N, C-alpha and C. Protein backbone atom coordinates (compact mmCIF):
# COMPACT_ATOMS: atom_id res chain seq x y z
N MET A 1 -3.05 5.79 -27.38
CA MET A 1 -3.36 7.18 -27.68
C MET A 1 -2.36 8.13 -27.01
N ARG A 2 -1.74 7.68 -25.91
CA ARG A 2 -0.75 8.53 -25.23
C ARG A 2 0.46 8.82 -26.11
N ASP A 3 0.73 7.96 -27.08
CA ASP A 3 1.91 8.14 -27.92
C ASP A 3 1.74 9.20 -29.01
N ILE A 4 0.54 9.66 -29.24
CA ILE A 4 0.31 10.64 -30.29
C ILE A 4 0.66 12.02 -29.77
N THR A 5 1.64 12.65 -30.39
CA THR A 5 2.13 13.96 -29.96
C THR A 5 1.01 15.00 -29.97
N GLY A 6 0.89 15.72 -28.87
CA GLY A 6 -0.08 16.80 -28.76
C GLY A 6 -1.49 16.40 -28.43
N LEU A 7 -1.77 15.11 -28.40
CA LEU A 7 -3.13 14.64 -28.13
C LEU A 7 -3.36 14.53 -26.62
N GLU A 8 -4.45 15.12 -26.13
CA GLU A 8 -4.85 14.97 -24.74
C GLU A 8 -5.74 13.73 -24.64
N VAL A 9 -5.59 12.96 -23.55
CA VAL A 9 -6.34 11.72 -23.38
C VAL A 9 -7.03 11.74 -22.01
N TYR A 10 -8.34 11.52 -22.03
CA TYR A 10 -9.14 11.54 -20.80
C TYR A 10 -9.99 10.27 -20.70
N ALA A 11 -10.16 9.78 -19.48
CA ALA A 11 -11.02 8.63 -19.21
C ALA A 11 -11.84 8.94 -17.95
N PRO A 12 -12.96 9.66 -18.10
CA PRO A 12 -13.76 10.02 -16.93
C PRO A 12 -14.48 8.81 -16.35
N CYS A 13 -14.79 8.90 -15.05
CA CYS A 13 -15.37 7.75 -14.36
C CYS A 13 -16.88 7.81 -14.21
N ASP A 14 -17.48 8.98 -14.33
CA ASP A 14 -18.94 9.07 -14.16
C ASP A 14 -19.48 10.25 -14.96
N GLN A 15 -20.78 10.48 -14.85
CA GLN A 15 -21.39 11.54 -15.64
C GLN A 15 -20.86 12.92 -15.28
N TRP A 16 -20.55 13.17 -14.01
CA TRP A 16 -20.11 14.50 -13.59
C TRP A 16 -18.69 14.78 -14.08
N GLU A 17 -17.84 13.78 -14.01
CA GLU A 17 -16.49 13.96 -14.52
C GLU A 17 -16.53 14.06 -16.06
N THR A 18 -17.42 13.31 -16.69
CA THR A 18 -17.56 13.39 -18.15
C THR A 18 -17.99 14.80 -18.57
N LYS A 19 -18.95 15.37 -17.88
CA LYS A 19 -19.39 16.74 -18.21
C LYS A 19 -18.23 17.72 -18.07
N ALA A 20 -17.43 17.56 -17.02
CA ALA A 20 -16.28 18.45 -16.83
C ALA A 20 -15.25 18.27 -17.95
N VAL A 21 -15.02 17.04 -18.36
CA VAL A 21 -14.09 16.77 -19.46
C VAL A 21 -14.60 17.40 -20.76
N ILE A 22 -15.88 17.23 -21.04
CA ILE A 22 -16.44 17.79 -22.28
C ILE A 22 -16.34 19.31 -22.26
N ARG A 23 -16.57 19.94 -21.10
CA ARG A 23 -16.38 21.40 -21.01
C ARG A 23 -14.93 21.77 -21.32
N HIS A 24 -13.99 21.01 -20.74
CA HIS A 24 -12.57 21.26 -20.98
C HIS A 24 -12.23 21.09 -22.46
N VAL A 25 -12.71 20.02 -23.07
CA VAL A 25 -12.43 19.73 -24.48
C VAL A 25 -12.97 20.87 -25.36
N ALA A 26 -14.15 21.38 -25.02
CA ALA A 26 -14.75 22.46 -25.81
C ALA A 26 -13.94 23.76 -25.71
N GLU A 27 -13.20 23.93 -24.61
CA GLU A 27 -12.44 25.16 -24.40
C GLU A 27 -11.00 25.10 -24.89
N THR A 28 -10.46 23.92 -25.11
CA THR A 28 -9.06 23.80 -25.52
C THR A 28 -8.95 23.81 -27.04
N THR A 29 -7.79 24.20 -27.52
CA THR A 29 -7.53 24.14 -28.96
C THR A 29 -6.76 22.88 -29.33
N ASN A 30 -6.37 22.09 -28.32
CA ASN A 30 -5.63 20.85 -28.56
C ASN A 30 -6.58 19.73 -29.01
N PRO A 31 -6.08 18.81 -29.81
CA PRO A 31 -6.89 17.63 -30.12
C PRO A 31 -7.03 16.77 -28.87
N CYS A 32 -8.19 16.16 -28.70
CA CYS A 32 -8.46 15.37 -27.50
C CYS A 32 -9.11 14.04 -27.86
N TYR A 33 -8.82 13.05 -27.02
CA TYR A 33 -9.47 11.74 -27.11
C TYR A 33 -10.12 11.51 -25.76
N VAL A 34 -11.42 11.25 -25.76
CA VAL A 34 -12.15 10.98 -24.53
C VAL A 34 -12.64 9.55 -24.59
N ARG A 35 -12.17 8.74 -23.66
CA ARG A 35 -12.52 7.31 -23.63
C ARG A 35 -13.77 7.13 -22.78
N LEU A 36 -14.85 6.73 -23.41
CA LEU A 36 -16.12 6.52 -22.72
C LEU A 36 -16.63 5.12 -22.99
N GLY A 37 -17.20 4.51 -21.97
CA GLY A 37 -17.85 3.22 -22.15
C GLY A 37 -19.27 3.42 -22.63
N ARG A 38 -19.90 2.34 -23.00
CA ARG A 38 -21.29 2.40 -23.46
C ARG A 38 -22.27 2.18 -22.33
N SER A 39 -21.78 1.64 -21.23
CA SER A 39 -22.68 1.25 -20.14
C SER A 39 -22.96 2.41 -19.20
N LYS A 40 -24.09 2.33 -18.55
CA LYS A 40 -24.43 3.29 -17.50
C LYS A 40 -23.66 2.87 -16.25
N VAL A 41 -23.02 3.82 -15.60
CA VAL A 41 -22.24 3.54 -14.39
C VAL A 41 -22.76 4.37 -13.22
N GLU A 42 -22.45 3.90 -12.03
CA GLU A 42 -22.83 4.64 -10.83
C GLU A 42 -21.99 5.90 -10.71
N ASP A 43 -22.57 6.93 -10.14
CA ASP A 43 -21.84 8.17 -9.92
C ASP A 43 -20.85 7.99 -8.77
N VAL A 44 -19.68 8.57 -8.95
CA VAL A 44 -18.67 8.64 -7.90
C VAL A 44 -18.75 10.00 -7.24
N PHE A 45 -18.99 11.01 -8.06
CA PHE A 45 -19.06 12.40 -7.59
C PHE A 45 -20.51 12.88 -7.68
N ASP A 46 -20.74 14.11 -7.24
CA ASP A 46 -22.07 14.70 -7.42
C ASP A 46 -21.93 16.00 -8.19
N GLU A 47 -23.06 16.61 -8.48
CA GLU A 47 -23.05 17.81 -9.33
C GLU A 47 -22.32 18.99 -8.70
N ASN A 48 -22.02 18.93 -7.42
CA ASN A 48 -21.32 20.03 -6.75
C ASN A 48 -19.80 19.92 -6.80
N LYS A 49 -19.29 18.82 -7.32
CA LYS A 49 -17.84 18.61 -7.37
C LYS A 49 -17.21 19.62 -8.34
N GLU A 50 -16.21 20.34 -7.86
CA GLU A 50 -15.44 21.26 -8.70
C GLU A 50 -14.29 20.46 -9.29
N PHE A 51 -14.20 20.41 -10.59
CA PHE A 51 -13.18 19.60 -11.27
C PHE A 51 -12.11 20.45 -11.92
N ASP A 52 -10.88 19.98 -11.80
CA ASP A 52 -9.82 20.33 -12.72
C ASP A 52 -9.46 18.98 -13.31
N VAL A 53 -9.95 18.69 -14.51
CA VAL A 53 -9.83 17.35 -15.06
C VAL A 53 -8.38 16.95 -15.33
N THR A 54 -7.45 17.90 -15.26
CA THR A 54 -6.04 17.57 -15.46
C THR A 54 -5.35 17.17 -14.16
N LYS A 55 -6.05 17.22 -13.04
CA LYS A 55 -5.48 16.88 -11.73
C LYS A 55 -6.08 15.58 -11.22
N ILE A 56 -5.31 14.89 -10.36
CA ILE A 56 -5.81 13.66 -9.75
C ILE A 56 -6.89 13.98 -8.73
N ASN A 57 -7.74 13.01 -8.46
CA ASN A 57 -8.76 13.12 -7.41
C ASN A 57 -8.53 11.99 -6.42
N ILE A 58 -8.17 12.34 -5.20
CA ILE A 58 -8.06 11.31 -4.16
C ILE A 58 -9.47 11.09 -3.62
N ILE A 59 -9.99 9.90 -3.91
CA ILE A 59 -11.37 9.57 -3.55
C ILE A 59 -11.45 9.03 -2.13
N HIS A 60 -10.42 8.28 -1.74
CA HIS A 60 -10.36 7.73 -0.39
C HIS A 60 -8.92 7.82 0.09
N GLU A 61 -8.73 8.47 1.22
CA GLU A 61 -7.39 8.59 1.82
C GLU A 61 -7.18 7.40 2.74
N GLY A 62 -6.36 6.47 2.33
CA GLY A 62 -6.11 5.25 3.09
C GLY A 62 -5.10 5.43 4.19
N THR A 63 -4.93 4.37 4.98
CA THR A 63 -4.04 4.43 6.14
C THR A 63 -2.99 3.32 6.15
N SER A 64 -2.91 2.53 5.09
CA SER A 64 -2.03 1.36 5.16
C SER A 64 -0.83 1.38 4.21
N GLY A 65 -0.49 2.55 3.66
CA GLY A 65 0.69 2.63 2.80
C GLY A 65 0.51 1.99 1.44
N ILE A 66 -0.74 1.86 1.01
CA ILE A 66 -1.09 1.26 -0.28
C ILE A 66 -1.86 2.31 -1.08
N ALA A 67 -1.52 2.46 -2.36
CA ALA A 67 -2.28 3.36 -3.23
C ALA A 67 -2.74 2.59 -4.46
N VAL A 68 -3.97 2.87 -4.86
CA VAL A 68 -4.53 2.28 -6.07
C VAL A 68 -4.93 3.43 -6.99
N PHE A 69 -4.23 3.53 -8.13
CA PHE A 69 -4.57 4.50 -9.16
C PHE A 69 -5.53 3.83 -10.13
N CYS A 70 -6.67 4.46 -10.41
CA CYS A 70 -7.64 3.85 -11.31
C CYS A 70 -8.22 4.91 -12.23
N THR A 71 -8.82 4.45 -13.31
CA THR A 71 -9.35 5.36 -14.32
C THR A 71 -10.64 4.81 -14.90
N GLY A 72 -11.50 5.71 -15.37
CA GLY A 72 -12.75 5.29 -16.00
C GLY A 72 -13.59 4.40 -15.12
N LEU A 73 -14.19 3.38 -15.71
CA LEU A 73 -15.06 2.44 -15.01
C LEU A 73 -14.36 1.73 -13.85
N MET A 74 -13.05 1.64 -13.90
CA MET A 74 -12.32 0.94 -12.85
C MET A 74 -12.33 1.69 -11.52
N VAL A 75 -12.72 2.96 -11.54
CA VAL A 75 -12.90 3.68 -10.28
C VAL A 75 -14.01 3.00 -9.49
N GLN A 76 -15.13 2.70 -10.15
CA GLN A 76 -16.24 2.03 -9.46
C GLN A 76 -15.83 0.64 -8.99
N SER A 77 -15.11 -0.11 -9.81
CA SER A 77 -14.67 -1.46 -9.40
C SER A 77 -13.75 -1.38 -8.19
N THR A 78 -12.86 -0.41 -8.19
CA THR A 78 -11.93 -0.26 -7.07
C THR A 78 -12.66 0.16 -5.80
N LEU A 79 -13.62 1.06 -5.93
CA LEU A 79 -14.42 1.44 -4.76
C LEU A 79 -15.24 0.26 -4.25
N GLU A 80 -15.70 -0.59 -5.14
CA GLU A 80 -16.43 -1.79 -4.75
C GLU A 80 -15.51 -2.77 -4.01
N ALA A 81 -14.24 -2.80 -4.37
CA ALA A 81 -13.27 -3.68 -3.72
C ALA A 81 -12.83 -3.15 -2.35
N LEU A 82 -12.97 -1.85 -2.13
CA LEU A 82 -12.47 -1.23 -0.89
C LEU A 82 -12.99 -1.89 0.39
N PRO A 83 -14.28 -2.09 0.59
CA PRO A 83 -14.74 -2.70 1.84
C PRO A 83 -14.16 -4.09 2.08
N GLU A 84 -14.01 -4.87 1.00
CA GLU A 84 -13.44 -6.21 1.14
C GLU A 84 -11.97 -6.14 1.54
N LEU A 85 -11.24 -5.19 0.97
CA LEU A 85 -9.83 -5.01 1.36
C LEU A 85 -9.74 -4.56 2.82
N GLN A 86 -10.64 -3.68 3.23
CA GLN A 86 -10.63 -3.22 4.62
C GLN A 86 -10.93 -4.36 5.59
N LYS A 87 -11.82 -5.28 5.20
CA LYS A 87 -12.14 -6.42 6.06
C LYS A 87 -10.92 -7.29 6.35
N ILE A 88 -9.97 -7.34 5.41
CA ILE A 88 -8.78 -8.17 5.62
C ILE A 88 -7.58 -7.33 6.06
N GLY A 89 -7.85 -6.09 6.49
CA GLY A 89 -6.80 -5.28 7.12
C GLY A 89 -6.06 -4.31 6.23
N TYR A 90 -6.53 -4.08 5.01
CA TYR A 90 -5.87 -3.13 4.11
C TYR A 90 -6.80 -1.95 3.84
N ASP A 91 -6.26 -0.74 3.98
CA ASP A 91 -7.03 0.47 3.73
C ASP A 91 -6.26 1.33 2.71
N PRO A 92 -6.43 1.03 1.42
CA PRO A 92 -5.66 1.74 0.40
C PRO A 92 -6.19 3.14 0.10
N THR A 93 -5.29 4.01 -0.30
CA THR A 93 -5.67 5.29 -0.87
C THR A 93 -6.14 5.00 -2.29
N ILE A 94 -7.29 5.55 -2.67
CA ILE A 94 -7.83 5.34 -4.00
C ILE A 94 -7.78 6.67 -4.76
N VAL A 95 -7.13 6.63 -5.93
CA VAL A 95 -6.90 7.83 -6.72
C VAL A 95 -7.54 7.69 -8.09
N ASP A 96 -8.44 8.61 -8.40
CA ASP A 96 -9.05 8.69 -9.73
C ASP A 96 -8.13 9.49 -10.64
N ILE A 97 -7.74 8.89 -11.76
CA ILE A 97 -6.94 9.58 -12.76
C ILE A 97 -7.81 9.73 -14.00
N CYS A 98 -8.32 10.91 -14.22
CA CYS A 98 -9.12 11.17 -15.41
C CYS A 98 -8.21 11.53 -16.59
N ALA A 99 -7.19 12.35 -16.34
CA ALA A 99 -6.28 12.79 -17.41
C ALA A 99 -5.11 11.81 -17.52
N ILE A 100 -5.13 11.02 -18.57
CA ILE A 100 -4.03 10.12 -18.84
C ILE A 100 -2.90 10.90 -19.51
N LYS A 101 -3.27 11.92 -20.28
CA LYS A 101 -2.29 12.81 -20.90
C LYS A 101 -2.98 14.14 -21.18
N PRO A 102 -2.50 15.25 -20.66
CA PRO A 102 -1.32 15.37 -19.82
C PRO A 102 -1.63 14.85 -18.42
N CYS A 103 -0.66 14.24 -17.79
CA CYS A 103 -0.91 13.70 -16.46
C CYS A 103 -0.43 14.69 -15.40
N ASP A 104 -0.98 14.54 -14.23
CA ASP A 104 -0.64 15.36 -13.07
C ASP A 104 0.57 14.73 -12.37
N GLU A 105 1.76 14.92 -12.95
CA GLU A 105 2.97 14.28 -12.41
C GLU A 105 3.20 14.65 -10.95
N GLU A 106 2.99 15.92 -10.60
CA GLU A 106 3.23 16.36 -9.23
C GLU A 106 2.29 15.65 -8.25
N GLY A 107 1.01 15.59 -8.58
CA GLY A 107 0.04 14.92 -7.71
C GLY A 107 0.31 13.43 -7.60
N ILE A 108 0.64 12.80 -8.73
CA ILE A 108 0.95 11.37 -8.72
C ILE A 108 2.19 11.10 -7.89
N ALA A 109 3.23 11.92 -8.06
CA ALA A 109 4.48 11.74 -7.32
C ALA A 109 4.25 11.84 -5.81
N LYS A 110 3.39 12.76 -5.38
CA LYS A 110 3.09 12.89 -3.95
C LYS A 110 2.46 11.61 -3.40
N VAL A 111 1.54 11.02 -4.17
CA VAL A 111 0.91 9.78 -3.73
C VAL A 111 1.94 8.65 -3.71
N LEU A 112 2.78 8.59 -4.73
CA LEU A 112 3.83 7.56 -4.77
C LEU A 112 4.75 7.68 -3.57
N GLU A 113 5.17 8.89 -3.24
CA GLU A 113 6.07 9.11 -2.11
C GLU A 113 5.46 8.70 -0.78
N ALA A 114 4.14 8.83 -0.66
CA ALA A 114 3.45 8.56 0.60
C ALA A 114 3.08 7.09 0.78
N ASN A 115 3.28 6.26 -0.26
CA ASN A 115 2.83 4.87 -0.21
C ASN A 115 3.91 3.94 -0.73
N GLU A 116 4.00 2.75 -0.15
CA GLU A 116 5.00 1.75 -0.56
C GLU A 116 4.46 0.77 -1.59
N GLN A 117 3.21 0.35 -1.44
CA GLN A 117 2.59 -0.61 -2.36
C GLN A 117 1.72 0.17 -3.35
N ILE A 118 2.00 0.02 -4.65
CA ILE A 118 1.29 0.78 -5.66
C ILE A 118 0.62 -0.16 -6.66
N PHE A 119 -0.65 0.13 -6.94
CA PHE A 119 -1.43 -0.64 -7.93
C PHE A 119 -2.03 0.33 -8.94
N THR A 120 -2.19 -0.13 -10.17
CA THR A 120 -2.98 0.58 -11.16
C THR A 120 -4.07 -0.37 -11.63
N VAL A 121 -5.25 0.17 -11.91
CA VAL A 121 -6.37 -0.63 -12.37
C VAL A 121 -6.99 0.07 -13.57
N GLU A 122 -7.00 -0.64 -14.71
CA GLU A 122 -7.58 -0.09 -15.94
C GLU A 122 -8.26 -1.20 -16.72
N GLU A 123 -9.30 -0.83 -17.47
CA GLU A 123 -10.07 -1.85 -18.18
C GLU A 123 -9.62 -2.01 -19.62
N HIS A 124 -8.35 -1.82 -19.84
CA HIS A 124 -7.76 -2.03 -21.17
C HIS A 124 -6.33 -2.47 -20.96
N SER A 125 -5.54 -2.48 -22.01
CA SER A 125 -4.17 -2.99 -21.94
C SER A 125 -3.34 -2.27 -20.88
N VAL A 126 -2.55 -3.04 -20.14
CA VAL A 126 -1.69 -2.44 -19.12
C VAL A 126 -0.49 -1.73 -19.75
N THR A 127 -0.28 -1.90 -21.04
CA THR A 127 0.79 -1.18 -21.72
C THR A 127 0.21 0.00 -22.49
N GLY A 128 0.88 1.13 -22.37
CA GLY A 128 0.49 2.31 -23.12
C GLY A 128 -0.57 3.18 -22.47
N GLY A 129 -1.11 2.78 -21.34
CA GLY A 129 -2.17 3.54 -20.70
C GLY A 129 -1.78 4.00 -19.30
N LEU A 130 -2.71 3.86 -18.38
CA LEU A 130 -2.51 4.32 -17.01
C LEU A 130 -1.32 3.63 -16.34
N GLY A 131 -1.25 2.31 -16.43
CA GLY A 131 -0.16 1.58 -15.77
C GLY A 131 1.20 2.03 -16.25
N SER A 132 1.35 2.16 -17.54
CA SER A 132 2.63 2.63 -18.11
C SER A 132 2.94 4.05 -17.65
N MET A 133 1.92 4.90 -17.65
CA MET A 133 2.11 6.30 -17.25
C MET A 133 2.56 6.39 -15.79
N ILE A 134 1.95 5.63 -14.91
CA ILE A 134 2.34 5.65 -13.49
C ILE A 134 3.77 5.12 -13.35
N CYS A 135 4.12 4.07 -14.10
CA CYS A 135 5.50 3.56 -14.07
C CYS A 135 6.50 4.63 -14.50
N GLU A 136 6.16 5.40 -15.52
CA GLU A 136 7.04 6.46 -16.00
C GLU A 136 7.21 7.55 -14.96
N VAL A 137 6.13 7.95 -14.32
CA VAL A 137 6.21 8.98 -13.28
C VAL A 137 7.04 8.46 -12.11
N ALA A 138 6.82 7.21 -11.72
CA ALA A 138 7.61 6.62 -10.63
C ALA A 138 9.09 6.60 -10.98
N ALA A 139 9.41 6.22 -12.20
CA ALA A 139 10.82 6.17 -12.62
C ALA A 139 11.47 7.55 -12.55
N ASP A 140 10.73 8.58 -12.88
CA ASP A 140 11.28 9.94 -12.89
C ASP A 140 11.30 10.60 -11.52
N HIS A 141 10.38 10.23 -10.63
CA HIS A 141 10.22 10.98 -9.38
C HIS A 141 10.41 10.17 -8.10
N CYS A 142 9.95 8.94 -8.09
CA CYS A 142 9.92 8.18 -6.85
C CYS A 142 9.83 6.70 -7.18
N PRO A 143 10.96 6.05 -7.39
CA PRO A 143 10.92 4.64 -7.81
C PRO A 143 10.10 3.76 -6.87
N ARG A 144 9.19 3.04 -7.46
CA ARG A 144 8.33 2.09 -6.74
C ARG A 144 8.06 0.92 -7.68
N ARG A 145 7.78 -0.22 -7.09
CA ARG A 145 7.28 -1.34 -7.89
C ARG A 145 5.80 -1.09 -8.09
N ILE A 146 5.38 -1.17 -9.32
CA ILE A 146 3.98 -0.92 -9.66
C ILE A 146 3.33 -2.24 -10.09
N HIS A 147 2.21 -2.57 -9.46
CA HIS A 147 1.45 -3.77 -9.81
C HIS A 147 0.32 -3.31 -10.74
N ARG A 148 0.39 -3.71 -12.00
CA ARG A 148 -0.58 -3.25 -13.00
C ARG A 148 -1.67 -4.29 -13.21
N ILE A 149 -2.91 -3.88 -12.95
CA ILE A 149 -4.07 -4.74 -13.13
C ILE A 149 -4.82 -4.23 -14.35
N GLY A 150 -5.06 -5.11 -15.30
CA GLY A 150 -5.76 -4.73 -16.52
C GLY A 150 -5.68 -5.85 -17.54
N MET A 151 -5.88 -5.51 -18.78
CA MET A 151 -5.88 -6.49 -19.86
C MET A 151 -4.45 -6.83 -20.27
N ARG A 152 -4.24 -8.11 -20.49
CA ARG A 152 -2.97 -8.60 -21.02
C ARG A 152 -3.32 -9.50 -22.20
N GLY A 153 -2.75 -9.22 -23.34
CA GLY A 153 -3.10 -10.01 -24.53
C GLY A 153 -4.35 -9.48 -25.20
N PHE A 154 -5.00 -10.34 -25.96
CA PHE A 154 -6.18 -9.95 -26.73
C PHE A 154 -7.45 -10.18 -25.93
N GLY A 155 -8.40 -9.27 -26.07
CA GLY A 155 -9.67 -9.39 -25.39
C GLY A 155 -10.67 -10.18 -26.20
N GLN A 156 -11.79 -10.46 -25.58
CA GLN A 156 -12.88 -11.18 -26.22
C GLN A 156 -14.05 -10.22 -26.39
N SER A 157 -15.10 -10.71 -26.98
CA SER A 157 -16.30 -9.91 -27.17
C SER A 157 -17.44 -10.52 -26.36
N ALA A 158 -18.08 -9.68 -25.56
CA ALA A 158 -19.24 -10.07 -24.76
C ALA A 158 -19.80 -8.80 -24.14
N ASP A 159 -20.86 -8.92 -23.35
CA ASP A 159 -21.37 -7.74 -22.67
C ASP A 159 -20.36 -7.33 -21.59
N TRP A 160 -20.38 -6.06 -21.22
CA TRP A 160 -19.34 -5.49 -20.36
C TRP A 160 -19.26 -6.14 -18.99
N LYS A 161 -20.39 -6.51 -18.40
CA LYS A 161 -20.34 -7.14 -17.08
C LYS A 161 -19.66 -8.51 -17.15
N THR A 162 -19.95 -9.26 -18.20
CA THR A 162 -19.31 -10.56 -18.39
C THR A 162 -17.80 -10.40 -18.57
N LEU A 163 -17.40 -9.42 -19.37
CA LEU A 163 -15.97 -9.20 -19.61
C LEU A 163 -15.26 -8.75 -18.34
N LEU A 164 -15.87 -7.86 -17.57
CA LEU A 164 -15.24 -7.44 -16.32
C LEU A 164 -15.04 -8.64 -15.39
N ARG A 165 -16.04 -9.48 -15.30
CA ARG A 165 -15.94 -10.68 -14.46
C ARG A 165 -14.88 -11.64 -15.00
N GLU A 166 -14.88 -11.86 -16.31
CA GLU A 166 -13.94 -12.79 -16.96
C GLU A 166 -12.48 -12.37 -16.74
N TYR A 167 -12.23 -11.07 -16.84
CA TYR A 167 -10.86 -10.57 -16.71
C TYR A 167 -10.53 -10.08 -15.30
N ARG A 168 -11.40 -10.40 -14.37
CA ARG A 168 -11.22 -10.05 -12.95
C ARG A 168 -11.04 -8.54 -12.79
N LEU A 169 -11.90 -7.79 -13.47
CA LEU A 169 -11.87 -6.34 -13.38
C LEU A 169 -13.15 -5.77 -12.76
N ASP A 170 -14.03 -6.65 -12.30
CA ASP A 170 -15.17 -6.19 -11.52
C ASP A 170 -14.68 -5.99 -10.08
N GLY A 171 -15.54 -5.53 -9.21
CA GLY A 171 -15.11 -5.25 -7.83
C GLY A 171 -14.48 -6.44 -7.15
N HIS A 172 -15.10 -7.59 -7.26
CA HIS A 172 -14.56 -8.80 -6.61
C HIS A 172 -13.22 -9.20 -7.22
N GLY A 173 -13.11 -9.10 -8.54
CA GLY A 173 -11.86 -9.44 -9.21
C GLY A 173 -10.73 -8.50 -8.84
N VAL A 174 -11.03 -7.21 -8.73
CA VAL A 174 -10.01 -6.24 -8.32
C VAL A 174 -9.57 -6.56 -6.89
N PHE A 175 -10.54 -6.84 -6.03
CA PHE A 175 -10.21 -7.25 -4.66
C PHE A 175 -9.29 -8.46 -4.66
N GLN A 176 -9.66 -9.50 -5.43
CA GLN A 176 -8.85 -10.72 -5.46
C GLN A 176 -7.42 -10.44 -5.92
N GLN A 177 -7.28 -9.67 -6.99
CA GLN A 177 -5.94 -9.42 -7.53
C GLN A 177 -5.08 -8.60 -6.56
N ILE A 178 -5.65 -7.58 -5.95
CA ILE A 178 -4.89 -6.78 -5.01
C ILE A 178 -4.53 -7.60 -3.78
N SER A 179 -5.51 -8.32 -3.23
CA SER A 179 -5.24 -9.09 -1.99
C SER A 179 -4.25 -10.21 -2.25
N GLU A 180 -4.28 -10.85 -3.41
CA GLU A 180 -3.31 -11.90 -3.72
C GLU A 180 -1.89 -11.35 -3.68
N ILE A 181 -1.67 -10.19 -4.27
CA ILE A 181 -0.35 -9.57 -4.29
C ILE A 181 0.06 -9.14 -2.89
N LEU A 182 -0.85 -8.51 -2.16
CA LEU A 182 -0.52 -8.05 -0.80
C LEU A 182 -0.23 -9.21 0.13
N ASN A 183 -0.93 -10.31 -0.04
CA ASN A 183 -0.73 -11.47 0.83
C ASN A 183 0.54 -12.24 0.51
N GLN A 184 1.19 -11.94 -0.60
CA GLN A 184 2.48 -12.56 -0.93
C GLN A 184 3.62 -11.94 -0.12
N LYS A 185 3.39 -10.77 0.41
CA LYS A 185 4.45 -10.02 1.11
C LYS A 185 4.73 -10.60 2.48
């Protein structure tokens, strides 16, 4: 969807961010695509959160030079992985990216500049979405190696919890994939 000229693309992570996106969509004259799952998810924010859905949200400010950019349902999976990563000595910055297009290049570039190890986590193809977008921003502003976690190839059909577990996109799977890469260093 990022390739369609003029189309705004959003992937909110919870009900509060979704409400903010829908308010934004109702106010803009641009065509928009809002990616929503069918499942009920835990809230990341509360009703008092002031949103600019076009800007990044740093959910956790880490201390270990690692940043994880995530979108949609993967925000919850990444937050679920955080305590396990901290137990093994990694404290990543976790960044919610609701706006895939237009993206907050300035905010993303600041996070890239402040961190050496960069991960993206998305529950769809790693090409054409969040991972590709972060790679493009890095190439233009702050070259970094980006480790993209998400779907590769064709997906299967099953209930969402089974699929997240199968593709290692649930909290434990995100933890495993990030820690495997970090432990190679």
